[in-house]
N, C-alpha and C. Protein backbone atom coordinates (compact mmCIF):
# COMPACT_ATOMS: atom_id res chain seq x y z
N CYS A 1 0.82 -1.20 -0.01
CA CYS A 1 0.01 -0.01 0.00
C CYS A 1 0.87 1.26 0.00
N GLN A 2 1.94 1.23 0.76
CA GLN A 2 2.77 2.43 0.87
C GLN A 2 3.47 2.70 -0.46
N ARG A 3 3.88 1.64 -1.18
CA ARG A 3 4.53 1.85 -2.46
C ARG A 3 3.56 2.49 -3.46
N LEU A 4 2.30 2.04 -3.46
CA LEU A 4 1.32 2.61 -4.38
C LEU A 4 1.01 4.04 -4.04
N GLY A 5 1.08 4.41 -2.77
CA GLY A 5 0.80 5.77 -2.33
C GLY A 5 1.77 6.80 -2.84
N LYS A 6 2.90 6.37 -3.37
CA LYS A 6 3.87 7.33 -3.91
C LYS A 6 3.50 7.84 -5.28
N ILE A 7 2.51 7.22 -5.92
CA ILE A 7 2.04 7.68 -7.21
C ILE A 7 1.16 8.90 -7.01
N GLU A 8 1.37 9.97 -7.80
CA GLU A 8 0.55 11.17 -7.67
C GLU A 8 -0.87 10.80 -8.10
N GLY A 9 -1.82 10.97 -7.19
CA GLY A 9 -3.21 10.65 -7.50
C GLY A 9 -3.69 9.34 -6.88
N VAL A 10 -2.79 8.62 -6.20
CA VAL A 10 -3.16 7.39 -5.53
C VAL A 10 -2.77 7.56 -4.07
N GLY A 11 -3.79 7.70 -3.22
CA GLY A 11 -3.54 7.88 -1.80
C GLY A 11 -3.73 6.59 -1.04
N PRO A 12 -3.71 6.65 0.28
CA PRO A 12 -3.83 5.43 1.08
C PRO A 12 -5.18 4.73 0.92
N VAL A 13 -6.25 5.48 0.78
CA VAL A 13 -7.59 4.87 0.62
C VAL A 13 -7.66 4.14 -0.71
N THR A 14 -7.20 4.81 -1.79
CA THR A 14 -7.22 4.20 -3.12
C THR A 14 -6.34 2.98 -3.17
N ALA A 15 -5.15 3.08 -2.61
CA ALA A 15 -4.21 1.95 -2.66
C ALA A 15 -4.77 0.75 -1.93
N THR A 16 -5.36 0.97 -0.74
CA THR A 16 -5.93 -0.11 0.03
C THR A 16 -7.11 -0.76 -0.71
N ALA A 17 -7.97 0.07 -1.26
CA ALA A 17 -9.12 -0.44 -2.01
C ALA A 17 -8.71 -1.25 -3.23
N LEU A 18 -7.68 -0.78 -3.95
CA LEU A 18 -7.19 -1.51 -5.12
C LEU A 18 -6.61 -2.85 -4.74
N ILE A 19 -5.79 -2.88 -3.72
CA ILE A 19 -5.18 -4.15 -3.29
C ILE A 19 -6.24 -5.12 -2.82
N ALA A 20 -7.23 -4.63 -2.08
CA ALA A 20 -8.29 -5.52 -1.58
C ALA A 20 -9.15 -6.06 -2.71
N ALA A 21 -9.42 -5.23 -3.72
CA ALA A 21 -10.30 -5.66 -4.83
C ALA A 21 -9.60 -6.55 -5.84
N VAL A 22 -8.33 -6.31 -6.08
CA VAL A 22 -7.63 -7.06 -7.13
C VAL A 22 -7.46 -8.52 -6.74
N GLY A 23 -7.02 -8.78 -5.54
CA GLY A 23 -6.80 -10.16 -5.13
C GLY A 23 -5.70 -10.81 -5.95
N ASP A 24 -6.06 -11.71 -6.86
CA ASP A 24 -5.06 -12.41 -7.69
C ASP A 24 -4.75 -11.55 -8.89
N ARG A 25 -3.57 -10.96 -8.89
CA ARG A 25 -3.19 -10.04 -9.99
C ARG A 25 -2.79 -10.78 -11.25
N SER A 26 -2.68 -12.09 -11.20
CA SER A 26 -2.33 -12.84 -12.40
C SER A 26 -3.54 -12.96 -13.37
N CYS A 27 -4.70 -12.44 -12.94
CA CYS A 27 -5.89 -12.47 -13.81
C CYS A 27 -5.71 -11.53 -15.02
N PHE A 28 -4.82 -10.58 -14.91
CA PHE A 28 -4.61 -9.58 -15.95
C PHE A 28 -3.28 -9.80 -16.63
N LYS A 29 -3.29 -9.87 -17.95
CA LYS A 29 -2.05 -10.09 -18.71
C LYS A 29 -1.19 -8.84 -18.72
N ASN A 30 -1.85 -7.68 -18.75
CA ASN A 30 -1.10 -6.42 -18.88
C ASN A 30 -1.89 -5.29 -18.22
N GLY A 31 -1.28 -4.11 -18.20
CA GLY A 31 -1.90 -2.96 -17.56
C GLY A 31 -3.16 -2.48 -18.26
N ARG A 32 -3.22 -2.70 -19.58
CA ARG A 32 -4.42 -2.28 -20.31
C ARG A 32 -5.63 -3.09 -19.87
N GLN A 33 -5.45 -4.41 -19.66
CA GLN A 33 -6.54 -5.22 -19.18
C GLN A 33 -6.99 -4.78 -17.79
N PHE A 34 -6.05 -4.39 -16.95
CA PHE A 34 -6.39 -3.92 -15.63
C PHE A 34 -7.18 -2.62 -15.70
N ALA A 35 -6.74 -1.69 -16.56
CA ALA A 35 -7.46 -0.43 -16.74
C ALA A 35 -8.86 -0.69 -17.31
N ALA A 36 -8.98 -1.65 -18.22
CA ALA A 36 -10.28 -2.00 -18.78
C ALA A 36 -11.19 -2.60 -17.70
N TRP A 37 -10.62 -3.40 -16.81
CA TRP A 37 -11.37 -3.97 -15.71
C TRP A 37 -11.93 -2.88 -14.81
N LEU A 38 -11.20 -1.78 -14.66
CA LEU A 38 -11.67 -0.66 -13.87
C LEU A 38 -12.65 0.23 -14.63
N GLY A 39 -12.76 0.03 -15.94
CA GLY A 39 -13.67 0.84 -16.74
C GLY A 39 -13.07 2.17 -17.17
N LEU A 40 -11.75 2.22 -17.33
CA LEU A 40 -11.06 3.47 -17.67
C LEU A 40 -10.57 3.51 -19.12
N VAL A 41 -11.18 2.71 -19.97
CA VAL A 41 -10.81 2.68 -21.39
C VAL A 41 -12.00 3.10 -22.22
N PRO A 42 -11.79 3.59 -23.46
CA PRO A 42 -12.90 4.01 -24.30
C PRO A 42 -13.84 2.87 -24.68
N LYS A 43 -15.12 3.20 -24.81
CA LYS A 43 -16.08 2.25 -25.32
C LYS A 43 -15.93 2.21 -26.83
N GLN A 44 -15.94 1.05 -27.42
CA GLN A 44 -15.68 0.93 -28.85
C GLN A 44 -16.90 0.30 -29.54
N ARG A 45 -17.30 0.90 -30.66
CA ARG A 45 -18.34 0.35 -31.52
C ARG A 45 -17.76 0.22 -32.92
N SER A 46 -17.72 -0.99 -33.44
CA SER A 46 -17.14 -1.20 -34.75
C SER A 46 -18.20 -1.73 -35.71
N SER A 47 -18.15 -1.24 -36.94
CA SER A 47 -19.08 -1.70 -37.95
C SER A 47 -18.44 -1.46 -39.32
N GLY A 48 -18.39 -2.48 -40.13
CA GLY A 48 -17.88 -2.32 -41.48
C GLY A 48 -16.43 -1.92 -41.53
N GLY A 49 -15.63 -2.38 -40.58
CA GLY A 49 -14.23 -2.01 -40.61
C GLY A 49 -13.91 -0.65 -40.03
N ARG A 50 -14.91 0.05 -39.57
CA ARG A 50 -14.71 1.38 -38.99
C ARG A 50 -14.88 1.30 -37.48
N ALA A 51 -13.83 1.64 -36.78
CA ALA A 51 -13.88 1.63 -35.33
C ALA A 51 -14.16 3.02 -34.82
N ARG A 52 -15.17 3.13 -33.94
CA ARG A 52 -15.52 4.41 -33.34
C ARG A 52 -15.34 4.30 -31.84
N LEU A 53 -14.69 5.28 -31.25
CA LEU A 53 -14.47 5.31 -29.81
C LEU A 53 -15.36 6.37 -29.17
N PHE A 54 -16.00 5.98 -28.09
CA PHE A 54 -16.88 6.89 -27.35
C PHE A 54 -16.29 7.12 -25.97
N GLY A 55 -17.09 7.53 -25.02
CA GLY A 55 -16.64 7.79 -23.66
C GLY A 55 -16.15 6.52 -22.98
N ILE A 56 -15.80 6.61 -21.71
CA ILE A 56 -15.26 5.41 -21.01
C ILE A 56 -16.35 4.38 -20.89
N SER A 57 -15.91 3.11 -20.78
CA SER A 57 -16.85 2.00 -20.79
C SER A 57 -17.67 1.91 -19.50
N LYS A 58 -17.15 2.39 -18.39
CA LYS A 58 -17.83 2.36 -17.08
C LYS A 58 -18.14 0.94 -16.62
N ARG A 59 -17.34 -0.01 -17.06
CA ARG A 59 -17.48 -1.38 -16.60
C ARG A 59 -16.64 -1.54 -15.36
N GLY A 60 -16.91 -2.55 -14.61
CA GLY A 60 -16.08 -2.78 -13.42
C GLY A 60 -16.61 -2.07 -12.19
N ASP A 61 -15.78 -1.99 -11.19
CA ASP A 61 -16.16 -1.46 -9.88
C ASP A 61 -16.26 0.05 -9.93
N ARG A 62 -17.46 0.56 -9.69
CA ARG A 62 -17.70 2.02 -9.74
C ARG A 62 -16.91 2.76 -8.68
N TYR A 63 -16.80 2.15 -7.49
CA TYR A 63 -16.11 2.80 -6.38
C TYR A 63 -14.62 2.98 -6.71
N LEU A 64 -13.99 1.92 -7.23
CA LEU A 64 -12.55 1.99 -7.58
C LEU A 64 -12.34 3.03 -8.68
N ARG A 65 -13.21 3.00 -9.69
CA ARG A 65 -13.08 3.95 -10.82
C ARG A 65 -13.22 5.40 -10.29
N THR A 66 -14.15 5.60 -9.40
CA THR A 66 -14.35 6.95 -8.82
C THR A 66 -13.12 7.38 -8.04
N LEU A 67 -12.56 6.49 -7.24
CA LEU A 67 -11.35 6.83 -6.49
C LEU A 67 -10.21 7.17 -7.43
N MET A 68 -10.03 6.40 -8.48
CA MET A 68 -8.93 6.68 -9.42
C MET A 68 -9.11 8.03 -10.13
N ILE A 69 -10.33 8.33 -10.55
CA ILE A 69 -10.59 9.59 -11.27
C ILE A 69 -10.46 10.78 -10.33
N HIS A 70 -10.98 10.66 -9.11
CA HIS A 70 -10.84 11.78 -8.16
C HIS A 70 -9.40 12.01 -7.76
N GLY A 71 -8.64 10.95 -7.63
CA GLY A 71 -7.21 11.08 -7.36
C GLY A 71 -6.49 11.75 -8.51
N ALA A 72 -6.90 11.41 -9.72
CA ALA A 72 -6.32 12.05 -10.92
C ALA A 72 -6.63 13.53 -10.95
N ARG A 73 -7.87 13.89 -10.58
CA ARG A 73 -8.23 15.31 -10.53
C ARG A 73 -7.37 16.07 -9.53
N ALA A 74 -7.11 15.47 -8.39
CA ALA A 74 -6.27 16.09 -7.38
C ALA A 74 -4.83 16.25 -7.91
N ALA A 75 -4.34 15.23 -8.60
CA ALA A 75 -2.98 15.32 -9.17
C ALA A 75 -2.92 16.37 -10.25
N LEU A 76 -4.00 16.55 -11.03
CA LEU A 76 -4.04 17.58 -12.05
C LEU A 76 -3.94 18.99 -11.44
N SER A 77 -4.66 19.19 -10.35
CA SER A 77 -4.61 20.53 -9.74
C SER A 77 -3.23 20.83 -9.15
N ARG A 78 -2.51 19.81 -8.68
CA ARG A 78 -1.18 20.01 -8.12
C ARG A 78 -0.10 20.11 -9.18
N ALA A 79 -0.38 19.67 -10.42
CA ALA A 79 0.62 19.64 -11.47
C ALA A 79 0.86 21.01 -12.10
N THR A 80 -0.05 21.95 -11.88
CA THR A 80 0.05 23.26 -12.50
C THR A 80 1.33 23.97 -12.07
N GLY A 81 2.13 24.40 -13.03
CA GLY A 81 3.32 25.16 -12.76
C GLY A 81 4.59 24.33 -12.48
N LYS A 82 4.44 23.01 -12.37
CA LYS A 82 5.63 22.18 -12.14
C LYS A 82 6.33 21.91 -13.47
N GLN A 83 7.60 21.54 -13.39
CA GLN A 83 8.40 21.33 -14.60
C GLN A 83 8.87 19.88 -14.79
N ASP A 84 8.34 18.94 -14.00
CA ASP A 84 8.72 17.54 -14.18
C ASP A 84 8.03 16.99 -15.43
N PRO A 85 8.53 15.89 -16.03
CA PRO A 85 7.96 15.38 -17.27
C PRO A 85 6.47 15.07 -17.20
N ARG A 86 6.02 14.51 -16.08
CA ARG A 86 4.61 14.16 -15.95
C ARG A 86 3.73 15.42 -15.96
N SER A 87 4.14 16.47 -15.26
CA SER A 87 3.37 17.71 -15.23
C SER A 87 3.37 18.39 -16.60
N LEU A 88 4.49 18.34 -17.31
CA LEU A 88 4.53 18.91 -18.66
C LEU A 88 3.62 18.15 -19.61
N TRP A 89 3.57 16.82 -19.47
CA TRP A 89 2.66 16.01 -20.28
C TRP A 89 1.21 16.38 -19.98
N LEU A 90 0.89 16.56 -18.70
CA LEU A 90 -0.47 16.95 -18.31
C LEU A 90 -0.83 18.33 -18.84
N GLY A 91 0.13 19.27 -18.83
CA GLY A 91 -0.09 20.60 -19.35
C GLY A 91 -0.41 20.58 -20.84
N LYS A 92 0.33 19.76 -21.58
CA LYS A 92 0.03 19.64 -23.03
C LYS A 92 -1.33 19.03 -23.27
N MET A 93 -1.67 18.01 -22.47
CA MET A 93 -2.98 17.36 -22.62
C MET A 93 -4.10 18.38 -22.28
N ARG A 94 -3.87 19.17 -21.27
CA ARG A 94 -4.88 20.15 -20.81
C ARG A 94 -5.17 21.19 -21.89
N GLN A 95 -4.16 21.52 -22.70
CA GLN A 95 -4.36 22.52 -23.76
C GLN A 95 -5.21 21.95 -24.89
N ARG A 96 -5.14 20.63 -25.10
CA ARG A 96 -5.86 20.00 -26.22
C ARG A 96 -7.20 19.43 -25.88
N ARG A 97 -7.40 19.00 -24.64
CA ARG A 97 -8.59 18.24 -24.28
C ARG A 97 -9.34 18.88 -23.10
N HIS A 98 -10.58 18.43 -22.96
CA HIS A 98 -11.42 18.83 -21.83
C HIS A 98 -10.81 18.32 -20.53
N PRO A 99 -10.93 19.06 -19.42
CA PRO A 99 -10.32 18.59 -18.17
C PRO A 99 -10.81 17.21 -17.71
N ASN A 100 -12.05 16.86 -18.00
CA ASN A 100 -12.54 15.54 -17.60
C ASN A 100 -11.83 14.43 -18.39
N VAL A 101 -11.55 14.68 -19.67
CA VAL A 101 -10.86 13.70 -20.51
C VAL A 101 -9.43 13.53 -20.00
N VAL A 102 -8.81 14.63 -19.61
CA VAL A 102 -7.44 14.58 -19.10
C VAL A 102 -7.41 13.80 -17.76
N ALA A 103 -8.43 14.01 -16.92
CA ALA A 103 -8.49 13.30 -15.65
C ALA A 103 -8.61 11.80 -15.87
N VAL A 104 -9.43 11.39 -16.81
CA VAL A 104 -9.59 9.95 -17.09
C VAL A 104 -8.33 9.38 -17.71
N ALA A 105 -7.66 10.15 -18.57
CA ALA A 105 -6.40 9.68 -19.16
C ALA A 105 -5.36 9.48 -18.07
N LEU A 106 -5.29 10.39 -17.11
CA LEU A 106 -4.33 10.24 -16.02
C LEU A 106 -4.72 9.06 -15.11
N ALA A 107 -6.02 8.88 -14.87
CA ALA A 107 -6.47 7.73 -14.07
C ALA A 107 -6.09 6.43 -14.76
N ASN A 108 -6.22 6.38 -16.10
CA ASN A 108 -5.84 5.20 -16.87
C ASN A 108 -4.35 4.95 -16.73
N LYS A 109 -3.56 6.00 -16.87
CA LYS A 109 -2.09 5.87 -16.74
C LYS A 109 -1.73 5.38 -15.32
N ASN A 110 -2.38 5.94 -14.31
CA ASN A 110 -2.12 5.53 -12.94
C ASN A 110 -2.49 4.05 -12.73
N ALA A 111 -3.60 3.61 -13.32
CA ALA A 111 -3.98 2.21 -13.19
C ALA A 111 -2.94 1.29 -13.79
N ARG A 112 -2.41 1.68 -14.94
CA ARG A 112 -1.36 0.86 -15.56
C ARG A 112 -0.08 0.82 -14.70
N ILE A 113 0.25 1.95 -14.10
CA ILE A 113 1.41 2.01 -13.22
C ILE A 113 1.17 1.12 -11.98
N VAL A 114 -0.04 1.17 -11.44
CA VAL A 114 -0.40 0.33 -10.28
C VAL A 114 -0.22 -1.14 -10.64
N TRP A 115 -0.73 -1.53 -11.81
CA TRP A 115 -0.59 -2.92 -12.24
C TRP A 115 0.88 -3.33 -12.33
N ALA A 116 1.70 -2.47 -12.91
CA ALA A 116 3.11 -2.75 -13.06
C ALA A 116 3.79 -2.89 -11.70
N MET A 117 3.40 -2.08 -10.74
CA MET A 117 4.00 -2.15 -9.43
C MET A 117 3.54 -3.39 -8.68
N LEU A 118 2.28 -3.79 -8.86
CA LEU A 118 1.76 -4.99 -8.18
C LEU A 118 2.40 -6.25 -8.74
N THR A 119 2.65 -6.30 -10.03
CA THR A 119 3.17 -7.53 -10.63
C THR A 119 4.70 -7.61 -10.56
N GLY A 120 5.38 -6.47 -10.59
CA GLY A 120 6.83 -6.49 -10.65
C GLY A 120 7.54 -6.23 -9.33
N ASN A 121 6.82 -5.85 -8.30
CA ASN A 121 7.44 -5.49 -7.01
C ASN A 121 8.49 -4.42 -7.16
N ALA A 122 8.28 -3.50 -8.08
CA ALA A 122 9.25 -2.41 -8.29
C ALA A 122 8.75 -1.16 -7.60
N ALA A 123 9.66 -0.25 -7.31
CA ALA A 123 9.32 1.04 -6.73
C ALA A 123 8.87 2.01 -7.84
N TYR A 124 8.08 2.99 -7.49
CA TYR A 124 7.58 3.96 -8.46
C TYR A 124 8.71 4.94 -8.81
N GLU A 125 8.92 5.10 -10.11
CA GLU A 125 9.92 6.06 -10.59
C GLU A 125 9.21 7.06 -11.50
N PRO A 126 8.97 8.30 -11.02
CA PRO A 126 8.21 9.29 -11.78
C PRO A 126 8.81 9.58 -13.16
N ALA A 127 10.12 9.54 -13.28
CA ALA A 127 10.77 9.87 -14.55
C ALA A 127 10.40 8.86 -15.64
N LEU A 128 10.08 7.63 -15.22
CA LEU A 128 9.77 6.60 -16.22
C LEU A 128 8.28 6.50 -16.54
N SER A 129 7.44 7.30 -15.85
CA SER A 129 6.01 7.17 -16.05
C SER A 129 5.51 7.89 -17.30
N VAL A 130 6.33 8.74 -17.92
CA VAL A 130 5.94 9.46 -19.14
C VAL A 130 7.05 9.31 -20.15
N LYS A 131 6.68 9.04 -21.38
CA LYS A 131 7.68 8.95 -22.45
C LYS A 131 8.27 10.33 -22.72
N ALA A 132 9.54 10.35 -23.02
CA ALA A 132 10.19 11.63 -23.40
C ALA A 132 9.71 12.04 -24.76
N ALA A 133 9.39 13.32 -24.92
CA ALA A 133 8.85 13.81 -26.18
C ALA A 133 9.93 14.04 -27.21
């Protein structure tokens, strides 16, 4: 729980709830499946070879998804004016997208980081959480 709490936007309540709900983490092959389980990925409708993406799927545990999104909103408000790579990435996203879309994108990224930390027993490294532009 304490290792997960080092991620911006994941506090002690969110970390505890995630660990309690996940149980066997081998159920997920990758972080994308974990984020999809939380309902933090776009809903997709495909027809005739054309894929259309809509809002988030809202599948999975509503409480966990709410915790992740609210944590992401808190991290967004604290990222203003900082110069670390994650804050710069959030600033660029904020210029292009609606704040709610940015919050869900950050919640998705945090979910993938949580999955990586749960499966690999690694410590959180903020510099590795965002690709260099």
